[in-house]
């Protein structure tokens, strides 16, 4: 099996509603997404001969994904009072509501699904919350 890997990063804030600890408070991370794609074969002809996918195309998709979450407050649906969401939106804050608890584990699964929907053959997605702590999602 052939694999390629690339990464991109974004900065955002989140919190874990219902958590008994520091992460219950709004805080930020410099998230790093590392994505591995795979194929049993490489392309046999044309300008992409010998490649699974062009690294430029692969990096562009990962970068676009990271950029879509950059400099936002990511929060789980229902974790804020509606008035709080309205007030933050009125202040012009960039808010991203997700249907899952915004943990590194759930980000890894969500990013895996998002990239797979784009037609990429993803082997794994690793999401670093800190330089020393990461979560990995891979199917299989």
N, C-alpha and C. Protein backbone atom coordinates (compact mmCIF):
# COMPACT_ATOMS: atom_id res chain seq x y z
N UNK A 1 0.83 -1.17 0.00
CA UNK A 1 0.00 0.00 0.00
C UNK A 1 0.88 1.24 0.00
N UNK A 2 0.49 2.23 -0.78
CA UNK A 2 1.16 3.52 -0.83
C UNK A 2 0.43 4.49 0.10
N UNK A 3 1.19 5.36 0.77
CA UNK A 3 0.58 6.40 1.60
C UNK A 3 1.34 7.70 1.43
N UNK A 4 0.58 8.77 1.50
CA UNK A 4 1.18 10.11 1.57
C UNK A 4 0.59 10.79 2.79
N UNK A 5 1.31 11.77 3.30
CA UNK A 5 0.88 12.46 4.51
C UNK A 5 1.19 13.94 4.37
N UNK A 6 0.26 14.76 4.86
CA UNK A 6 0.47 16.20 4.88
C UNK A 6 -0.26 16.77 6.09
N UNK A 7 0.04 18.01 6.42
CA UNK A 7 -0.58 18.61 7.60
C UNK A 7 -0.86 20.08 7.37
N UNK A 8 -1.73 20.60 8.21
CA UNK A 8 -2.06 22.02 8.24
C UNK A 8 -2.47 22.34 9.67
N UNK A 9 -2.51 23.61 10.01
CA UNK A 9 -2.82 24.01 11.39
C UNK A 9 -3.83 25.15 11.40
N UNK A 10 -4.50 25.26 12.53
CA UNK A 10 -5.41 26.38 12.75
C UNK A 10 -5.45 26.70 14.24
N UNK A 11 -5.85 27.91 14.55
CA UNK A 11 -6.00 28.36 15.93
C UNK A 11 -7.48 28.59 16.18
N UNK A 12 -7.96 28.06 17.28
CA UNK A 12 -9.37 28.28 17.63
C UNK A 12 -9.56 28.07 19.12
N UNK A 13 -10.74 28.47 19.57
CA UNK A 13 -11.13 28.28 20.96
C UNK A 13 -12.26 27.26 21.03
N UNK A 14 -12.35 26.61 22.17
CA UNK A 14 -13.45 25.68 22.42
C UNK A 14 -13.59 25.53 23.93
N UNK A 15 -14.55 24.75 24.35
CA UNK A 15 -14.70 24.36 25.75
C UNK A 15 -15.48 23.06 25.75
N UNK A 16 -15.42 22.36 26.86
CA UNK A 16 -16.12 21.08 26.97
C UNK A 16 -17.24 21.22 27.99
N UNK A 17 -18.43 21.42 27.48
CA UNK A 17 -19.60 21.57 28.35
C UNK A 17 -19.79 20.30 29.16
N UNK A 18 -20.09 20.48 30.44
CA UNK A 18 -20.33 19.34 31.30
C UNK A 18 -19.09 18.64 31.80
N UNK A 19 -17.94 19.16 31.49
CA UNK A 19 -16.67 18.57 31.92
C UNK A 19 -16.30 19.12 33.29
N UNK A 20 -15.76 18.29 34.16
CA UNK A 20 -15.37 18.72 35.49
C UNK A 20 -13.86 18.93 35.50
N UNK A 21 -13.43 20.11 35.04
CA UNK A 21 -12.01 20.42 34.99
C UNK A 21 -11.77 21.70 34.23
N UNK A 22 -10.49 22.03 34.02
CA UNK A 22 -10.12 23.29 33.38
C UNK A 22 -10.72 23.46 31.98
N UNK A 23 -10.89 22.37 31.26
CA UNK A 23 -11.36 22.46 29.88
C UNK A 23 -12.84 22.80 29.77
N UNK A 24 -13.52 22.94 30.91
CA UNK A 24 -14.90 23.43 30.90
C UNK A 24 -14.94 24.93 30.57
N UNK A 25 -13.81 25.61 30.75
CA UNK A 25 -13.71 27.03 30.43
C UNK A 25 -13.27 27.21 28.98
N UNK A 26 -13.70 28.31 28.39
CA UNK A 26 -13.27 28.64 27.02
C UNK A 26 -11.75 28.82 27.03
N UNK A 27 -11.09 28.13 26.11
CA UNK A 27 -9.64 28.22 25.98
C UNK A 27 -9.26 27.93 24.53
N UNK A 28 -8.05 28.24 24.17
CA UNK A 28 -7.64 28.07 22.78
C UNK A 28 -6.53 27.07 22.61
N UNK A 29 -6.39 26.63 21.35
CA UNK A 29 -5.33 25.70 20.96
C UNK A 29 -4.79 26.10 19.59
N UNK A 30 -3.57 25.69 19.35
CA UNK A 30 -2.99 25.70 18.01
C UNK A 30 -3.10 24.24 17.55
N UNK A 31 -4.21 23.95 16.86
CA UNK A 31 -4.50 22.59 16.42
C UNK A 31 -3.67 22.27 15.17
N UNK A 32 -3.16 21.07 15.09
CA UNK A 32 -2.47 20.59 13.89
C UNK A 32 -3.22 19.35 13.41
N UNK A 33 -3.57 19.37 12.12
CA UNK A 33 -4.24 18.24 11.49
C UNK A 33 -3.21 17.55 10.60
N UNK A 34 -3.01 16.27 10.82
CA UNK A 34 -2.10 15.48 9.99
C UNK A 34 -2.95 14.40 9.31
N UNK A 35 -2.90 14.37 7.99
CA UNK A 35 -3.77 13.49 7.22
C UNK A 35 -2.92 12.54 6.37
N UNK A 36 -3.28 11.26 6.40
CA UNK A 36 -2.65 10.26 5.55
C UNK A 36 -3.67 9.74 4.55
N UNK A 37 -3.30 9.72 3.28
CA UNK A 37 -4.13 9.14 2.23
C UNK A 37 -3.42 7.89 1.72
N UNK A 38 -4.18 6.98 1.13
CA UNK A 38 -3.59 5.72 0.69
C UNK A 38 -4.14 5.27 -0.65
N UNK A 39 -3.42 4.35 -1.23
CA UNK A 39 -3.87 3.67 -2.44
C UNK A 39 -3.06 2.39 -2.60
N UNK A 40 -3.68 1.40 -3.17
CA UNK A 40 -2.96 0.15 -3.47
C UNK A 40 -2.03 0.33 -4.66
N UNK A 41 -2.33 1.33 -5.50
CA UNK A 41 -1.53 1.57 -6.70
C UNK A 41 -1.26 3.05 -6.84
N UNK A 42 -0.30 3.37 -7.69
CA UNK A 42 -0.06 4.76 -8.09
C UNK A 42 -0.59 4.92 -9.51
N UNK A 43 -0.81 6.16 -9.90
CA UNK A 43 -1.30 6.40 -11.25
C UNK A 43 -0.25 5.94 -12.26
N UNK A 44 -0.71 5.34 -13.34
CA UNK A 44 0.19 4.69 -14.28
C UNK A 44 0.50 5.53 -15.52
N UNK A 45 -0.22 6.64 -15.72
CA UNK A 45 0.04 7.44 -16.92
C UNK A 45 -0.27 8.90 -16.64
N UNK A 46 0.10 9.73 -17.59
CA UNK A 46 -0.18 11.16 -17.48
C UNK A 46 0.81 11.88 -16.57
N UNK A 47 0.54 13.14 -16.35
CA UNK A 47 1.46 13.97 -15.58
C UNK A 47 1.56 13.56 -14.11
N UNK A 48 0.57 12.82 -13.62
CA UNK A 48 0.58 12.37 -12.23
C UNK A 48 1.04 10.91 -12.10
N UNK A 49 1.69 10.43 -13.14
CA UNK A 49 2.22 9.07 -13.14
C UNK A 49 3.14 8.89 -11.93
N UNK A 50 2.95 7.78 -11.22
CA UNK A 50 3.78 7.50 -10.06
C UNK A 50 3.27 8.11 -8.77
N UNK A 51 2.11 8.79 -8.81
CA UNK A 51 1.55 9.44 -7.63
C UNK A 51 0.23 8.80 -7.23
N UNK A 52 -0.08 8.88 -5.95
CA UNK A 52 -1.43 8.56 -5.47
C UNK A 52 -2.34 9.73 -5.85
N UNK A 53 -1.91 10.89 -5.44
CA UNK A 53 -2.60 12.16 -5.72
C UNK A 53 -1.51 13.22 -5.72
N UNK A 54 -1.72 14.26 -6.45
CA UNK A 54 -0.76 15.36 -6.47
C UNK A 54 -0.69 16.00 -5.08
N UNK A 55 0.51 16.15 -4.54
CA UNK A 55 0.65 16.76 -3.21
C UNK A 55 0.02 18.15 -3.16
N UNK A 56 0.10 18.90 -4.25
CA UNK A 56 -0.51 20.23 -4.27
C UNK A 56 -2.01 20.17 -4.05
N UNK A 57 -2.68 19.23 -4.72
CA UNK A 57 -4.13 19.06 -4.54
C UNK A 57 -4.44 18.57 -3.14
N UNK A 58 -3.67 17.64 -2.65
CA UNK A 58 -3.87 17.08 -1.31
C UNK A 58 -3.71 18.16 -0.24
N UNK A 59 -2.63 18.92 -0.32
CA UNK A 59 -2.37 19.99 0.65
C UNK A 59 -3.44 21.06 0.58
N UNK A 60 -3.93 21.37 -0.61
CA UNK A 60 -4.96 22.39 -0.78
C UNK A 60 -6.24 22.00 -0.02
N UNK A 61 -6.64 20.74 -0.10
CA UNK A 61 -7.84 20.28 0.61
C UNK A 61 -7.66 20.35 2.12
N UNK A 62 -6.50 19.94 2.60
CA UNK A 62 -6.25 19.95 4.04
C UNK A 62 -6.17 21.39 4.55
N UNK A 63 -5.51 22.26 3.78
CA UNK A 63 -5.40 23.67 4.17
C UNK A 63 -6.79 24.34 4.20
N UNK A 64 -7.62 24.03 3.21
CA UNK A 64 -8.97 24.61 3.17
C UNK A 64 -9.77 24.17 4.39
N UNK A 65 -9.62 22.91 4.77
CA UNK A 65 -10.31 22.41 5.96
C UNK A 65 -9.83 23.16 7.21
N UNK A 66 -8.52 23.27 7.38
CA UNK A 66 -7.98 23.99 8.53
C UNK A 66 -8.44 25.44 8.53
N UNK A 67 -8.39 26.09 7.39
CA UNK A 67 -8.80 27.49 7.30
C UNK A 67 -10.26 27.69 7.67
N UNK A 68 -11.10 26.69 7.40
CA UNK A 68 -12.53 26.84 7.69
C UNK A 68 -12.80 26.84 9.20
N UNK A 69 -11.85 26.37 10.01
CA UNK A 69 -12.01 26.38 11.47
C UNK A 69 -11.13 27.42 12.15
N UNK A 70 -10.33 28.14 11.39
CA UNK A 70 -9.34 29.05 11.96
C UNK A 70 -9.99 30.26 12.62
N UNK A 71 -9.45 30.64 13.78
CA UNK A 71 -9.85 31.82 14.52
C UNK A 71 -11.37 31.89 14.73
N UNK A 72 -11.89 30.82 15.30
CA UNK A 72 -13.31 30.74 15.61
C UNK A 72 -13.48 30.17 17.01
N UNK A 73 -14.64 30.39 17.56
CA UNK A 73 -15.04 29.71 18.79
C UNK A 73 -15.91 28.54 18.37
N UNK A 74 -15.42 27.34 18.59
CA UNK A 74 -16.11 26.12 18.18
C UNK A 74 -16.85 25.59 19.41
N UNK A 75 -18.15 25.43 19.27
CA UNK A 75 -18.93 25.01 20.42
C UNK A 75 -19.96 23.95 20.03
N UNK A 76 -20.29 23.11 20.99
CA UNK A 76 -21.25 22.04 20.79
C UNK A 76 -22.67 22.61 20.82
N UNK A 77 -23.48 22.18 19.88
CA UNK A 77 -24.87 22.62 19.82
C UNK A 77 -25.53 22.38 21.17
N UNK A 78 -26.21 23.41 21.66
CA UNK A 78 -26.92 23.30 22.93
C UNK A 78 -26.08 23.58 24.16
N UNK A 79 -24.80 23.86 23.98
CA UNK A 79 -23.94 24.08 25.15
C UNK A 79 -23.95 25.53 25.63
N UNK A 80 -24.46 26.44 24.81
CA UNK A 80 -24.64 27.84 25.20
C UNK A 80 -26.13 28.14 25.28
N UNK A 81 -26.49 29.08 26.11
CA UNK A 81 -27.86 29.58 26.10
C UNK A 81 -28.04 30.33 24.78
N UNK A 82 -29.23 30.27 24.19
CA UNK A 82 -29.46 31.00 22.92
C UNK A 82 -29.11 32.48 23.02
N UNK A 83 -29.39 33.11 24.16
CA UNK A 83 -29.06 34.53 24.33
C UNK A 83 -27.56 34.77 24.27
N UNK A 84 -26.77 33.81 24.76
CA UNK A 84 -25.31 33.93 24.71
C UNK A 84 -24.82 33.87 23.27
N UNK A 85 -25.37 32.93 22.50
CA UNK A 85 -25.00 32.82 21.09
C UNK A 85 -25.37 34.10 20.36
N UNK A 86 -26.57 34.61 20.61
CA UNK A 86 -27.00 35.85 19.97
C UNK A 86 -26.08 37.01 20.33
N UNK A 87 -25.70 37.12 21.61
CA UNK A 87 -24.84 38.21 22.05
C UNK A 87 -23.46 38.12 21.40
N UNK A 88 -22.89 36.92 21.36
CA UNK A 88 -21.58 36.76 20.74
C UNK A 88 -21.63 37.04 19.25
N UNK A 89 -22.69 36.60 18.59
CA UNK A 89 -22.86 36.91 17.16
C UNK A 89 -23.04 38.40 16.94
N UNK A 90 -23.81 39.07 17.81
CA UNK A 90 -23.99 40.52 17.71
C UNK A 90 -22.67 41.27 17.85
N UNK A 91 -21.76 40.72 18.65
CA UNK A 91 -20.44 41.33 18.84
C UNK A 91 -19.51 41.04 17.67
N UNK A 92 -19.95 40.19 16.75
CA UNK A 92 -19.16 39.90 15.56
C UNK A 92 -18.16 38.78 15.73
N UNK A 93 -18.29 37.99 16.79
CA UNK A 93 -17.38 36.86 16.97
C UNK A 93 -17.70 35.76 15.97
N UNK A 94 -16.67 35.10 15.50
CA UNK A 94 -16.84 33.99 14.57
C UNK A 94 -17.13 32.74 15.38
N UNK A 95 -18.29 32.19 15.18
CA UNK A 95 -18.76 31.04 15.94
C UNK A 95 -19.02 29.87 14.98
N UNK A 96 -18.61 28.68 15.39
CA UNK A 96 -18.90 27.48 14.62
C UNK A 96 -19.59 26.49 15.55
N UNK A 97 -20.84 26.22 15.26
CA UNK A 97 -21.60 25.24 16.04
C UNK A 97 -21.40 23.87 15.42
N UNK A 98 -21.06 22.89 16.25
CA UNK A 98 -20.89 21.52 15.77
C UNK A 98 -21.84 20.60 16.53
N UNK A 99 -22.17 19.50 15.94
CA UNK A 99 -23.10 18.56 16.53
C UNK A 99 -22.43 17.51 17.40
N UNK A 100 -21.26 17.80 17.89
CA UNK A 100 -20.50 16.87 18.73
C UNK A 100 -19.68 17.67 19.73
N UNK A 101 -19.25 17.01 20.78
CA UNK A 101 -18.38 17.68 21.75
C UNK A 101 -17.04 17.94 21.06
N UNK A 102 -16.55 19.18 21.08
CA UNK A 102 -15.35 19.52 20.31
C UNK A 102 -14.05 19.05 20.97
N UNK A 103 -13.87 17.74 20.96
CA UNK A 103 -12.64 17.13 21.46
C UNK A 103 -11.73 16.80 20.28
N UNK A 104 -10.48 16.56 20.55
CA UNK A 104 -9.55 16.16 19.49
C UNK A 104 -10.02 14.88 18.82
N UNK A 105 -10.56 13.95 19.61
CA UNK A 105 -11.05 12.69 19.05
C UNK A 105 -12.18 12.93 18.06
N UNK A 106 -13.14 13.76 18.45
CA UNK A 106 -14.27 14.03 17.57
C UNK A 106 -13.87 14.87 16.35
N UNK A 107 -12.92 15.79 16.53
CA UNK A 107 -12.42 16.52 15.37
C UNK A 107 -11.78 15.55 14.37
N UNK A 108 -10.98 14.62 14.87
CA UNK A 108 -10.30 13.67 13.98
C UNK A 108 -11.33 12.89 13.14
N UNK A 109 -12.39 12.40 13.77
CA UNK A 109 -13.43 11.67 13.05
C UNK A 109 -14.15 12.58 12.07
N UNK A 110 -14.51 13.77 12.50
CA UNK A 110 -15.22 14.71 11.63
C UNK A 110 -14.37 15.09 10.42
N UNK A 111 -13.10 15.38 10.62
CA UNK A 111 -12.21 15.75 9.52
C UNK A 111 -12.03 14.58 8.56
N UNK A 112 -11.91 13.37 9.11
CA UNK A 112 -11.83 12.16 8.28
C UNK A 112 -13.05 12.10 7.36
N UNK A 113 -14.22 12.25 7.94
CA UNK A 113 -15.47 12.18 7.15
C UNK A 113 -15.54 13.29 6.11
N UNK A 114 -15.15 14.50 6.48
CA UNK A 114 -15.22 15.63 5.56
C UNK A 114 -14.30 15.41 4.35
N UNK A 115 -13.09 14.93 4.60
CA UNK A 115 -12.14 14.71 3.50
C UNK A 115 -12.55 13.52 2.64
N UNK A 116 -13.11 12.50 3.26
CA UNK A 116 -13.59 11.33 2.51
C UNK A 116 -14.72 11.75 1.56
N UNK A 117 -15.60 12.63 2.05
CA UNK A 117 -16.70 13.12 1.19
C UNK A 117 -16.18 13.89 -0.02
N UNK A 118 -14.97 14.40 0.06
CA UNK A 118 -14.36 15.11 -1.07
C UNK A 118 -13.72 14.13 -2.06
N UNK A 119 -13.84 12.84 -1.79
CA UNK A 119 -13.32 11.84 -2.71
C UNK A 119 -11.91 11.37 -2.41
N UNK A 120 -11.34 11.81 -1.32
CA UNK A 120 -9.99 11.39 -0.96
C UNK A 120 -10.04 10.04 -0.25
N UNK A 121 -9.06 9.19 -0.51
CA UNK A 121 -8.98 7.90 0.17
C UNK A 121 -8.12 8.07 1.42
N UNK A 122 -8.77 8.39 2.51
CA UNK A 122 -8.07 8.74 3.73
C UNK A 122 -7.81 7.48 4.56
N UNK A 123 -6.59 7.35 5.03
CA UNK A 123 -6.21 6.25 5.92
C UNK A 123 -6.40 6.65 7.37
N UNK A 124 -5.93 7.86 7.71
CA UNK A 124 -6.05 8.31 9.09
C UNK A 124 -5.98 9.83 9.15
N UNK A 125 -6.56 10.35 10.23
CA UNK A 125 -6.45 11.77 10.55
C UNK A 125 -6.00 11.86 12.01
N UNK A 126 -4.93 12.60 12.22
CA UNK A 126 -4.40 12.85 13.55
C UNK A 126 -4.62 14.32 13.86
N UNK A 127 -5.16 14.61 15.03
CA UNK A 127 -5.38 15.99 15.45
C UNK A 127 -4.59 16.22 16.73
N UNK A 128 -3.61 17.13 16.62
CA UNK A 128 -2.81 17.53 17.78
C UNK A 128 -3.48 18.71 18.45
N UNK A 129 -3.77 18.54 19.73
CA UNK A 129 -4.33 19.62 20.54
C UNK A 129 -3.19 20.44 21.16
N UNK A 130 -2.12 19.75 21.47
CA UNK A 130 -0.87 20.36 21.93
C UNK A 130 0.25 19.61 21.23
N UNK A 131 1.47 20.11 21.30
CA UNK A 131 2.57 19.39 20.64
C UNK A 131 2.75 17.95 21.15
N UNK A 132 2.31 17.67 22.38
CA UNK A 132 2.52 16.35 22.97
C UNK A 132 1.27 15.47 23.02
N UNK A 133 0.11 16.02 22.68
CA UNK A 133 -1.15 15.27 22.82
C UNK A 133 -1.94 15.29 21.53
N UNK A 134 -2.30 14.10 21.07
CA UNK A 134 -3.06 14.01 19.84
C UNK A 134 -4.09 12.89 19.91
N UNK A 135 -5.05 12.94 19.01
CA UNK A 135 -6.03 11.88 18.84
C UNK A 135 -5.97 11.45 17.38
N UNK A 136 -6.17 10.16 17.14
CA UNK A 136 -6.10 9.61 15.79
C UNK A 136 -7.41 8.89 15.49
N UNK A 137 -7.91 9.13 14.26
CA UNK A 137 -9.05 8.35 13.79
C UNK A 137 -8.65 7.68 12.50
N UNK A 138 -8.92 6.38 12.41
CA UNK A 138 -8.76 5.65 11.17
C UNK A 138 -9.82 4.58 11.13
N UNK A 139 -10.33 4.32 9.96
CA UNK A 139 -11.33 3.27 9.82
C UNK A 139 -10.64 1.95 9.56
N UNK A 140 -11.31 0.89 9.96
CA UNK A 140 -10.76 -0.40 9.62
C UNK A 140 -10.55 -1.22 10.80
